[in-house]
Amino acid sequence: MITNDPRFIRGVSLFNDGDYLEASDCFEDLFFEGVRDEPDFVRIFLQFSVGIHHAETGQWRPAVERIEEGLRLVASNRYDRGIDLSSLASAMRIGASDLRHKIKPEWPRVSSRP
């Protein structure tokens, strides 16, 4: 399972530590190597981490675009692999809204489903 891959675990850890650019590198590697529905699942985390990185560098429009793409992927995802995608997506929606209103977002952490 992709969530057991050490690179995915590292990517989540980096994301949760606020190292979004490094996290995106981990997710990007997995995206290109994924099979079946794995690329779309990993792309959720890739889009969110790249979006937050853009936000942190003041690139508001690309940030919101990447986050919105991640939200579309969450909406079409059928298998969460034990990750609380619902809470993650809710927090990312709030973050994108904050960006639109020029408010510094509080970015979420990736967590397991309760």
Protein backbone atom coordinates (compact mmCIF):
# COMPACT_ATOMS: atom_id res chain seq x y z
CA MET A 1 0.00 0.00 0.00
CA ILE A 2 1.32 3.42 -0.96
CA THR A 3 0.74 4.85 2.52
CA ASN A 4 3.30 2.34 3.83
CA ASP A 5 5.96 3.52 1.38
CA PRO A 6 8.76 5.24 3.32
CA ARG A 7 8.68 8.14 0.85
CA PHE A 8 4.98 8.74 1.49
CA ILE A 9 5.55 8.57 5.25
CA ARG A 10 8.46 11.01 4.89
CA GLY A 11 6.37 13.31 2.69
CA VAL A 12 3.59 13.42 5.28
CA SER A 13 6.12 14.05 8.04
CA LEU A 14 7.70 16.91 6.08
CA PHE A 15 4.24 18.34 5.30
CA ASN A 16 3.27 18.19 8.97
CA ASP A 17 6.57 19.87 9.90
CA GLY A 18 5.86 22.72 7.48
CA ASP A 19 8.53 21.76 4.94
CA TYR A 20 6.13 21.87 2.00
CA LEU A 21 8.67 22.08 -0.82
CA GLU A 22 10.56 18.99 0.38
CA ALA A 23 7.25 17.19 0.95
CA SER A 24 6.21 17.92 -2.62
CA ASP A 25 9.41 16.28 -3.87
CA CYS A 26 8.52 13.06 -2.04
CA PHE A 27 4.97 13.10 -3.37
CA GLU A 28 6.13 13.90 -6.90
CA ASP A 29 8.37 10.83 -7.01
CA LEU A 30 5.48 8.64 -5.88
CA PHE A 31 3.12 10.29 -8.36
CA PHE A 32 5.30 9.30 -11.31
CA GLU A 33 5.78 5.76 -10.03
CA GLY A 34 2.18 5.08 -8.97
CA VAL A 35 -0.05 2.42 -10.46
CA ARG A 36 -3.83 2.11 -10.80
CA ASP A 37 -5.42 4.84 -8.64
CA GLU A 38 -2.25 5.70 -6.68
CA PRO A 39 -1.20 8.71 -8.80
CA ASP A 40 -4.49 10.55 -8.20
CA PHE A 41 -4.32 9.80 -4.48
CA VAL A 42 -0.72 11.02 -4.14
CA ARG A 43 -1.48 14.02 -6.32
CA ILE A 44 -3.82 15.30 -3.58
CA PHE A 45 -0.82 15.74 -1.29
CA LEU A 46 1.39 16.99 -4.11
CA GLN A 47 -1.10 19.72 -5.03
CA PHE A 48 -1.66 20.77 -1.42
CA SER A 49 2.04 20.93 -0.58
CA VAL A 50 2.90 22.86 -3.76
CA GLY A 51 -0.06 25.17 -3.15
CA ILE A 52 1.08 25.98 0.38
CA HIS A 53 4.64 26.52 -0.86
CA HIS A 54 3.33 29.01 -3.43
CA ALA A 55 1.35 30.77 -0.69
CA GLU A 56 4.43 31.03 1.49
CA THR A 57 6.34 32.67 -1.35
CA GLY A 58 3.57 35.18 -2.02
CA GLN A 59 2.29 33.57 -5.21
CA TRP A 60 -1.39 33.75 -4.28
CA ARG A 61 -3.03 32.80 -7.57
CA PRO A 62 -0.95 29.66 -8.22
CA ALA A 63 -1.40 28.72 -4.55
CA VAL A 64 -5.18 28.81 -4.77
CA GLU A 65 -5.16 27.01 -8.13
CA ARG A 66 -3.05 24.13 -6.75
CA ILE A 67 -5.18 23.87 -3.60
CA GLU A 68 -8.39 23.86 -5.63
CA GLU A 69 -7.00 21.10 -7.84
CA GLY A 70 -6.22 19.09 -4.70
CA LEU A 71 -9.78 19.65 -3.47
CA ARG A 72 -11.18 18.35 -6.78
CA LEU A 73 -9.01 15.25 -6.40
CA VAL A 74 -10.27 14.69 -2.84
CA ALA A 75 -13.87 14.99 -4.08
CA SER A 76 -13.30 12.32 -6.74
CA ASN A 77 -11.26 10.00 -4.48
CA ARG A 78 -12.96 6.73 -3.57
CA TYR A 79 -10.37 5.22 -1.21
CA ASP A 80 -8.81 7.35 1.53
CA ARG A 81 -6.31 4.66 2.59
CA GLY A 82 -6.88 5.56 6.26
CA ILE A 83 -6.05 9.27 5.83
CA ASP A 84 -8.59 11.80 7.12
CA LEU A 85 -9.08 13.46 3.75
CA SER A 86 -12.34 15.09 4.85
CA SER A 87 -10.68 17.12 7.62
CA LEU A 88 -7.68 17.87 5.43
CA ALA A 89 -9.91 19.14 2.61
CA SER A 90 -12.00 21.25 4.99
CA ALA A 91 -8.91 22.94 6.38
CA MET A 92 -7.45 23.47 2.90
CA ARG A 93 -10.73 25.08 1.77
CA ILE A 94 -10.45 27.50 4.68
CA GLY A 95 -6.80 28.15 3.80
CA ALA A 96 -7.69 28.94 0.17
CA SER A 97 -10.46 31.27 1.34
CA ASP A 98 -8.03 33.00 3.70
CA LEU A 99 -5.60 33.50 0.82
CA ARG A 100 -8.33 35.09 -1.28
CA HIS A 101 -9.02 37.50 1.59
CA LYS A 102 -5.31 38.23 2.15
CA ILE A 103 -5.34 36.50 5.54
CA LYS A 104 -2.38 34.31 6.53
CA PRO A 105 -3.78 30.76 6.74
CA GLU A 106 -3.19 28.19 9.44
CA TRP A 107 -2.22 25.13 7.43
CA PRO A 108 -3.48 21.70 8.50
CA ARG A 109 -1.62 18.55 9.32
CA VAL A 110 -2.22 15.25 7.58
CA SER A 111 -3.69 12.75 10.02
CA SER A 112 -5.22 9.30 10.08
CA ARG A 113 -8.95 8.88 9.93
CA PRO A 114 -10.49 8.48 13.42
